[in-house]
Amino acid sequence: MDTTTVTFEIIFNDTTVPVRELNISGRPMFMIPVQDGKPLVITTATDAEGKAFWTSIPEGRQALAQSIGELIEAHFKKTN
């Protein structure tokens, strides 16, 4: 399993939050520390209509994954 790691920061709820990008077998995933102590791991998925969305691993924190995922997208648009 090929794993690479990159770290960057985003602003979430007026706080600077470190985001660790993991590239596992060519699939980007992002690990974000959150207040409950367990890191949030998110990635993109595709629904039945072919539309991409952010999801948490394991599932169950979709709203948070979507909010932070949009900030990650903005980070990459800004740096490219």
PDB file of N, CA and C in Angstrom:
ATOM      1  N   MET A   1       0.848  -1.174   0.000  1.00  0.00           N
ATOM      2  CA  MET A   1       0.000   0.000   0.000  1.00  0.00           C
ATOM      3  C   MET A   1       0.893   1.235   0.000  1.00  0.00           C
ATOM      4  N   ASP A   2       0.739   2.076  -1.008  1.00  0.00           N
ATOM      5  CA  ASP A   2       1.517   3.305  -1.140  1.00  0.00           C
ATOM      6  C   ASP A   2       0.827   4.416  -0.362  1.00  0.00           C
ATOM      7  N   THR A   3       1.529   5.000   0.601  1.00  0.00           N
ATOM      8  CA  THR A   3       0.950   6.071   1.406  1.00  0.00           C
ATOM      9  C   THR A   3       1.878   7.273   1.384  1.00  0.00           C
ATOM     10  N   THR A   4       1.346   8.431   1.025  1.00  0.00           N
ATOM     11  CA  THR A   4       2.099   9.676   1.102  1.00  0.00           C
ATOM     12  C   THR A   4       1.314  10.630   1.988  1.00  0.00           C
ATOM     13  N   THR A   5       2.010  11.567   2.613  1.00  0.00           N
ATOM     14  CA  THR A   5       1.359  12.489   3.534  1.00  0.00           C
ATOM     15  C   THR A   5       1.799  13.918   3.260  1.00  0.00           C
ATOM     16  N   VAL A   6       0.827  14.828   3.241  1.00  0.00           N
ATOM     17  CA  VAL A   6       1.060  16.265   3.117  1.00  0.00           C
ATOM     18  C   VAL A   6       0.199  16.921   4.192  1.00  0.00           C
ATOM     19  N   THR A   7       0.712  17.983   4.827  1.00  0.00           N
ATOM     20  CA  THR A   7      -0.064  18.693   5.837  1.00  0.00           C
ATOM     21  C   THR A   7      -0.218  20.152   5.432  1.00  0.00           C
ATOM     22  N   PHE A   8      -1.431  20.686   5.628  1.00  0.00           N
ATOM     23  CA  PHE A   8      -1.709  22.099   5.384  1.00  0.00           C
ATOM     24  C   PHE A   8      -2.745  22.540   6.407  1.00  0.00           C
ATOM     25  N   GLU A   9      -3.092  23.815   6.406  1.00  0.00           N
ATOM     26  CA  GLU A   9      -4.044  24.330   7.381  1.00  0.00           C
ATOM     27  C   GLU A   9      -5.234  24.983   6.695  1.00  0.00           C
ATOM     28  N   ILE A  10      -6.393  24.895   7.353  1.00  0.00           N
ATOM     29  CA  ILE A  10      -7.595  25.589   6.916  1.00  0.00           C
ATOM     30  C   ILE A  10      -8.146  26.349   8.113  1.00  0.00           C
ATOM     31  N   ILE A  11      -9.040  27.281   7.859  1.00  0.00           N
ATOM     32  CA  ILE A  11      -9.740  27.985   8.930  1.00  0.00           C
ATOM     33  C   ILE A  11     -11.145  27.391   9.011  1.00  0.00           C
ATOM     34  N   PHE A  12     -11.466  26.791  10.155  1.00  0.00           N
ATOM     35  CA  PHE A  12     -12.778  26.189  10.377  1.00  0.00           C
ATOM     36  C   PHE A  12     -13.329  26.716  11.699  1.00  0.00           C
ATOM     37  N   ASN A  13     -14.501  27.323  11.658  1.00  0.00           N
ATOM     38  CA  ASN A  13     -15.117  27.919  12.854  1.00  0.00           C
ATOM     39  C   ASN A  13     -14.163  28.886  13.545  1.00  0.00           C
ATOM     40  N   ASP A  14     -13.534  29.750  12.754  1.00  0.00           N
ATOM     41  CA  ASP A  14     -12.619  30.783  13.256  1.00  0.00           C
ATOM     42  C   ASP A  14     -11.379  30.229  13.944  1.00  0.00           C
ATOM     43  N   THR A  15     -11.028  28.994  13.655  1.00  0.00           N
ATOM     44  CA  THR A  15      -9.858  28.361  14.247  1.00  0.00           C
ATOM     45  C   THR A  15      -8.994  27.761  13.133  1.00  0.00           C
ATOM     46  N   THR A  16      -7.678  27.914  13.251  1.00  0.00           N
ATOM     47  CA  THR A  16      -6.768  27.281  12.304  1.00  0.00           C
ATOM     48  C   THR A  16      -6.668  25.797  12.656  1.00  0.00           C
ATOM     49  N   VAL A  17      -6.950  24.966  11.671  1.00  0.00           N
ATOM     50  CA  VAL A  17      -7.006  23.517  11.883  1.00  0.00           C
ATOM     51  C   VAL A  17      -6.027  22.847  10.923  1.00  0.00           C
ATOM     52  N   PRO A  18      -5.156  21.965  11.432  1.00  0.00           N
ATOM     53  CA  PRO A  18      -4.266  21.232  10.532  1.00  0.00           C
ATOM     54  C   PRO A  18      -5.027  20.122   9.809  1.00  0.00           C
ATOM     55  N   VAL A  19      -4.726  19.961   8.538  1.00  0.00           N
ATOM     56  CA  VAL A  19      -5.327  18.902   7.730  1.00  0.00           C
ATOM     57  C   VAL A  19      -4.189  18.049   7.200  1.00  0.00           C
ATOM     58  N   ARG A  20      -4.290  16.771   7.429  1.00  0.00           N
ATOM     59  CA  ARG A  20      -3.268  15.844   6.935  1.00  0.00           C
ATOM     60  C   ARG A  20      -3.838  15.106   5.733  1.00  0.00           C
ATOM     61  N   GLU A  21      -3.206  15.313   4.582  1.00  0.00           N
ATOM     62  CA  GLU A  21      -3.657  14.625   3.369  1.00  0.00           C
ATOM     63  C   GLU A  21      -2.927  13.295   3.276  1.00  0.00           C
ATOM     64  N   LEU A  22      -3.686  12.248   3.137  1.00  0.00           N
ATOM     65  CA  LEU A  22      -3.132  10.911   2.960  1.00  0.00           C
ATOM     66  C   LEU A  22      -3.490  10.439   1.560  1.00  0.00           C
ATOM     67  N   ASN A  23      -2.530   9.915   0.858  1.00  0.00           N
ATOM     68  CA  ASN A  23      -2.795   9.359  -0.465  1.00  0.00           C
ATOM     69  C   ASN A  23      -2.571   7.861  -0.348  1.00  0.00           C
ATOM     70  N   ILE A  24      -3.648   7.133  -0.230  1.00  0.00           N
ATOM     71  CA  ILE A  24      -3.567   5.691  -0.006  1.00  0.00           C
ATOM     72  C   ILE A  24      -3.979   4.976  -1.281  1.00  0.00           C
ATOM     73  N   SER A  25      -3.019   4.307  -1.889  1.00  0.00           N
ATOM     74  CA  SER A  25      -3.236   3.595  -3.155  1.00  0.00           C
ATOM     75  C   SER A  25      -3.892   4.489  -4.193  1.00  0.00           C
ATOM     76  N   GLY A  26      -3.434   5.744  -4.267  1.00  0.00           N
ATOM     77  CA  GLY A  26      -3.918   6.680  -5.265  1.00  0.00           C
ATOM     78  C   GLY A  26      -5.212   7.385  -4.894  1.00  0.00           C
ATOM     79  N   ARG A  27      -5.752   7.125  -3.730  1.00  0.00           N
ATOM     80  CA  ARG A  27      -7.015   7.753  -3.299  1.00  0.00           C
ATOM     81  C   ARG A  27      -6.726   8.784  -2.214  1.00  0.00           C
ATOM     82  N   PRO A  28      -7.056  10.060  -2.467  1.00  0.00           N
ATOM     83  CA  PRO A  28      -6.808  11.082  -1.448  1.00  0.00           C
ATOM     84  C   PRO A  28      -7.819  11.002  -0.310  1.00  0.00           C
ATOM     85  N   MET A  29      -7.304  11.027   0.903  1.00  0.00           N
ATOM     86  CA  MET A  29      -8.119  11.081   2.111  1.00  0.00           C
ATOM     87  C   MET A  29      -7.526  12.162   2.998  1.00  0.00           C
ATOM     88  N   PHE A  30      -8.349  12.739   3.852  1.00  0.00           N
ATOM     89  CA  PHE A  30      -7.901  13.841   4.685  1.00  0.00           C
ATOM     90  C   PHE A  30      -8.260  13.553   6.139  1.00  0.00           C
ATOM     91  N   MET A  31      -7.287  13.764   7.035  1.00  0.00           N
ATOM     92  CA  MET A  31      -7.486  13.534   8.459  1.00  0.00           C
ATOM     93  C   MET A  31      -7.443  14.878   9.175  1.00  0.00           C
ATOM     94  N   ILE A  32      -8.511  15.151   9.941  1.00  0.00           N
ATOM     95  CA  ILE A  32      -8.655  16.438  10.611  1.00  0.00           C
ATOM     96  C   ILE A  32      -8.925  16.177  12.090  1.00  0.00           C
ATOM     97  N   PRO A  33      -8.149  16.783  13.003  1.00  0.00           N
ATOM     98  CA  PRO A  33      -8.457  16.616  14.427  1.00  0.00           C
ATOM     99  C   PRO A  33      -9.740  17.379  14.763  1.00  0.00           C
ATOM    100  N   VAL A  34     -10.593  16.774  15.566  1.00  0.00           N
ATOM    101  CA  VAL A  34     -11.825  17.431  15.999  1.00  0.00           C
ATOM    102  C   VAL A  34     -11.931  17.342  17.516  1.00  0.00           C
ATOM    103  N   GLN A  35     -12.867  18.095  18.079  1.00  0.00           N
ATOM    104  CA  GLN A  35     -12.940  18.265  19.515  1.00  0.00           C
ATOM    105  C   GLN A  35     -13.212  16.981  20.295  1.00  0.00           C
ATOM    106  N   ASP A  36     -13.900  16.019  19.724  1.00  0.00           N
ATOM    107  CA  ASP A  36     -14.227  14.815  20.499  1.00  0.00           C
ATOM    108  C   ASP A  36     -13.043  13.862  20.656  1.00  0.00           C
ATOM    109  N   GLY A  37     -11.889  14.231  20.093  1.00  0.00           N
ATOM    110  CA  GLY A  37     -10.684  13.425  20.265  1.00  0.00           C
ATOM    111  C   GLY A  37     -10.398  12.458  19.138  1.00  0.00           C
ATOM    112  N   LYS A  38     -11.419  11.957  18.452  1.00  0.00           N
ATOM    113  CA  LYS A  38     -11.206  11.059  17.322  1.00  0.00           C
ATOM    114  C   LYS A  38     -11.033  11.903  16.071  1.00  0.00           C
ATOM    115  N   PRO A  39      -9.969  11.686  15.297  1.00  0.00           N
ATOM    116  CA  PRO A  39      -9.824  12.472  14.068  1.00  0.00           C
ATOM    117  C   PRO A  39     -10.924  12.133  13.066  1.00  0.00           C
ATOM    118  N   LEU A  40     -11.321  13.154  12.329  1.00  0.00           N
ATOM    119  CA  LEU A  40     -12.283  12.979  11.250  1.00  0.00           C
ATOM    120  C   LEU A  40     -11.505  12.618   9.999  1.00  0.00           C
ATOM    121  N   VAL A  41     -11.885  11.537   9.335  1.00  0.00           N
ATOM    122  CA  VAL A  41     -11.262  11.140   8.072  1.00  0.00           C
ATOM    123  C   VAL A  41     -12.323  11.307   6.996  1.00  0.00           C
ATOM    124  N   ILE A  42     -11.980  12.080   5.953  1.00  0.00           N
ATOM    125  CA  ILE A  42     -12.940  12.325   4.877  1.00  0.00           C
ATOM    126  C   ILE A  42     -12.304  12.064   3.517  1.00  0.00           C
ATOM    127  N   THR A  43     -13.160  11.809   2.556  1.00  0.00           N
ATOM    128  CA  THR A  43     -12.755  11.620   1.171  1.00  0.00           C
ATOM    129  C   THR A  43     -13.960  11.947   0.300  1.00  0.00           C
ATOM    130  N   THR A  44     -13.763  11.933  -0.991  1.00  0.00           N
ATOM    131  CA  THR A  44     -14.894  12.139  -1.894  1.00  0.00           C
ATOM    132  C   THR A  44     -15.427  10.791  -2.363  1.00  0.00           C
ATOM    133  N   ALA A  45     -16.711  10.788  -2.676  1.00  0.00           N
ATOM    134  CA  ALA A  45     -17.369   9.617  -3.234  1.00  0.00           C
ATOM    135  C   ALA A  45     -18.285  10.119  -4.343  1.00  0.00           C
ATOM    136  N   THR A  46     -18.874   9.209  -5.078  1.00  0.00           N
ATOM    137  CA  THR A  46     -19.772   9.562  -6.173  1.00  0.00           C
ATOM    138  C   THR A  46     -21.116   8.890  -5.945  1.00  0.00           C
ATOM    139  N   ASP A  47     -22.193   9.680  -6.080  1.00  0.00           N
ATOM    140  CA  ASP A  47     -23.524   9.113  -5.890  1.00  0.00           C
ATOM    141  C   ASP A  47     -23.992   8.405  -7.163  1.00  0.00           C
ATOM    142  N   ALA A  48     -25.199   7.859  -7.123  1.00  0.00           N
ATOM    143  CA  ALA A  48     -25.741   7.077  -8.240  1.00  0.00           C
ATOM    144  C   ALA A  48     -25.880   7.890  -9.520  1.00  0.00           C
ATOM    145  N   GLU A  49     -26.015   9.220  -9.388  1.00  0.00           N
ATOM    146  CA  GLU A  49     -26.130  10.081 -10.563  1.00  0.00           C
ATOM    147  C   GLU A  49     -24.766  10.572 -11.063  1.00  0.00           C
ATOM    148  N   GLY A  50     -23.695  10.145 -10.405  1.00  0.00           N
ATOM    149  CA  GLY A  50     -22.359  10.538 -10.831  1.00  0.00           C
ATOM    150  C   GLY A  50     -21.853  11.829 -10.220  1.00  0.00           C
ATOM    151  N   LYS A  51     -22.576  12.372  -9.247  1.00  0.00           N
ATOM    152  CA  LYS A  51     -22.175  13.622  -8.605  1.00  0.00           C
ATOM    153  C   LYS A  51     -21.248  13.329  -7.414  1.00  0.00           C
ATOM    154  N   ALA A  52     -20.125  14.044  -7.358  1.00  0.00           N
ATOM    155  CA  ALA A  52     -19.164  13.854  -6.269  1.00  0.00           C
ATOM    156  C   ALA A  52     -19.641  14.569  -5.012  1.00  0.00           C
ATOM    157  N   PHE A  53     -19.356  13.970  -3.866  1.00  0.00           N
ATOM    158  CA  PHE A  53     -19.678  14.578  -2.578  1.00  0.00           C
ATOM    159  C   PHE A  53     -18.630  14.146  -1.555  1.00  0.00           C
ATOM    160  N   TRP A  54     -18.551  14.888  -0.454  1.00  0.00           N
ATOM    161  CA  TRP A  54     -17.626  14.564   0.628  1.00  0.00           C
ATOM    162  C   TRP A  54     -18.311  13.617   1.603  1.00  0.00           C
ATOM    163  N   THR A  55     -17.565  12.638   2.098  1.00  0.00           N
ATOM    164  CA  THR A  55     -18.105  11.679   3.050  1.00  0.00           C
ATOM    165  C   THR A  55     -17.074  11.366   4.124  1.00  0.00           C
ATOM    166  N   SER A  56     -17.559  10.977   5.275  1.00  0.00           N
ATOM    167  CA  SER A  56     -16.659  10.610   6.366  1.00  0.00           C
ATOM    168  C   SER A  56     -16.419   9.107   6.344  1.00  0.00           C
ATOM    169  N   ILE A  57     -15.289   8.718   6.909  1.00  0.00           N
ATOM    170  CA  ILE A  57     -14.950   7.298   7.050  1.00  0.00           C
ATOM    171  C   ILE A  57     -14.681   7.064   8.533  1.00  0.00           C
ATOM    172  N   PRO A  58     -15.481   6.254   9.220  1.00  0.00           N
ATOM    173  CA  PRO A  58     -16.704   5.632   8.733  1.00  0.00           C
ATOM    174  C   PRO A  58     -17.802   6.669   8.545  1.00  0.00           C
ATOM    175  N   GLU A  59     -18.853   6.265   7.854  1.00  0.00           N
ATOM    176  CA  GLU A  59     -19.963   7.182   7.596  1.00  0.00           C
ATOM    177  C   GLU A  59     -20.625   7.597   8.901  1.00  0.00           C
ATOM    178  N   GLY A  60     -21.363   8.697   8.836  1.00  0.00           N
ATOM    179  CA  GLY A  60     -22.092   9.150  10.009  1.00  0.00           C
ATOM    180  C   GLY A  60     -21.839  10.607  10.354  1.00  0.00           C
ATOM    181  N   ARG A  61     -20.829  11.190   9.735  1.00  0.00           N
ATOM    182  CA  ARG A  61     -20.510  12.588  10.008  1.00  0.00           C
ATOM    183  C   ARG A  61     -20.512  13.374   8.695  1.00  0.00           C
ATOM    184  N   GLN A  62     -21.550  13.097   7.872  1.00  0.00           N
ATOM    185  CA  GLN A  62     -21.595  13.660   6.525  1.00  0.00           C
ATOM    186  C   GLN A  62     -21.636  15.180   6.518  1.00  0.00           C
ATOM    187  N   ALA A  63     -22.419  15.793   7.398  1.00  0.00           N
ATOM    188  CA  ALA A  63     -22.531  17.256   7.398  1.00  0.00           C
ATOM    189  C   ALA A  63     -21.180  17.895   7.698  1.00  0.00           C
ATOM    190  N   LEU A  64     -20.469  17.361   8.680  1.00  0.00           N
ATOM    191  CA  LEU A  64     -19.145  17.881   9.017  1.00  0.00           C
ATOM    192  C   LEU A  64     -18.168  17.618   7.874  1.00  0.00           C
ATOM    193  N   ALA A  65     -18.241  16.430   7.283  1.00  0.00           N
ATOM    194  CA  ALA A  65     -17.365  16.096   6.155  1.00  0.00           C
ATOM    195  C   ALA A  65     -17.591  17.054   4.991  1.00  0.00           C
ATOM    196  N   GLN A  66     -18.846  17.365   4.696  1.00  0.00           N
ATOM    197  CA  GLN A  66     -19.162  18.274   3.594  1.00  0.00           C
ATOM    198  C   GLN A  66     -18.626  19.678   3.878  1.00  0.00           C
ATOM    199  N   SER A  67     -18.829  20.174   5.094  1.00  0.00           N
ATOM    200  CA  SER A  67     -18.364  21.521   5.459  1.00  0.00           C
ATOM    201  C   SER A  67     -16.845  21.643   5.349  1.00  0.00           C
ATOM    202  N   ILE A  68     -16.148  20.687   5.921  1.00  0.00           N
ATOM    203  CA  ILE A  68     -14.683  20.733   5.890  1.00  0.00           C
ATOM    204  C   ILE A  68     -14.170  20.432   4.481  1.00  0.00           C
ATOM    205  N   GLY A  69     -14.820  19.531   3.776  1.00  0.00           N
ATOM    206  CA  GLY A  69     -14.427  19.216   2.403  1.00  0.00           C
ATOM    207  C   GLY A  69     -14.467  20.438   1.500  1.00  0.00           C
ATOM    208  N   GLU A  70     -15.483  21.274   1.666  1.00  0.00           N
ATOM    209  CA  GLU A  70     -15.572  22.504   0.873  1.00  0.00           C
ATOM    210  C   GLU A  70     -14.419  23.448   1.190  1.00  0.00           C
ATOM    211  N   LEU A  71     -13.982  23.483   2.438  1.00  0.00           N
ATOM    212  CA  LEU A  71     -12.817  24.310   2.804  1.00  0.00           C
ATOM    213  C   LEU A  71     -11.535  23.745   2.201  1.00  0.00           C
ATOM    214  N   ILE A  72     -11.437  22.432   2.144  1.00  0.00           N
ATOM    215  CA  ILE A  72     -10.264  21.791   1.525  1.00  0.00           C
ATOM    216  C   ILE A  72     -10.245  22.104   0.025  1.00  0.00           C
ATOM    217  N   GLU A  73     -11.403  22.028  -0.627  1.00  0.00           N
ATOM    218  CA  GLU A  73     -11.480  22.390  -2.058  1.00  0.00           C
ATOM    219  C   GLU A  73     -11.033  23.829  -2.269  1.00  0.00           C
ATOM    220  N   ALA A  74     -11.488  24.730  -1.422  1.00  0.00           N
ATOM    221  CA  ALA A  74     -11.097  26.145  -1.540  1.00  0.00           C
ATOM    222  C   ALA A  74      -9.593  26.303  -1.342  1.00  0.00           C
ATOM    223  N   HIS A  75      -9.012  25.545  -0.436  1.00  0.00           N
ATOM    224  CA  HIS A  75      -7.561  25.605  -0.208  1.00  0.00           C
ATOM    225  C   HIS A  75      -6.815  25.236  -1.498  1.00  0.00           C
ATOM    226  N   PHE A  76      -7.234  24.155  -2.137  1.00  0.00           N
ATOM    227  CA  PHE A  76      -6.540  23.716  -3.345  1.00  0.00           C
ATOM    228  C   PHE A  76      -6.768  24.670  -4.513  1.00  0.00           C
ATOM    229  N   LYS A  77      -7.940  25.263  -4.616  1.00  0.00           N
ATOM    230  CA  LYS A  77      -8.181  26.252  -5.668  1.00  0.00           C
ATOM    231  C   LYS A  77      -7.302  27.472  -5.464  1.00  0.00           C
ATOM    232  N   LYS A  78      -7.094  27.855  -4.211  1.00  0.00           N
ATOM    233  CA  LYS A  78      -6.276  29.014  -3.890  1.00  0.00           C
ATOM    234  C   LYS A  78      -4.790  28.765  -4.158  1.00  0.00           C
ATOM    235  N   THR A  79      -4.331  27.535  -3.933  1.00  0.00           N
ATOM    236  CA  THR A  79      -2.899  27.230  -4.098  1.00  0.00           C
ATOM    237  C   THR A  79      -2.526  26.862  -5.522  1.00  0.00           C
ATOM    238  N   ASN A  80      -3.521  26.590  -6.372  1.00  0.00           N
ATOM    239  CA  ASN A  80      -3.206  26.212  -7.771  1.00  0.00           C
ATOM    240  C   ASN A  80      -3.370  27.358  -8.708  1.00  0.00           C
TER     241      ASN A  80
END
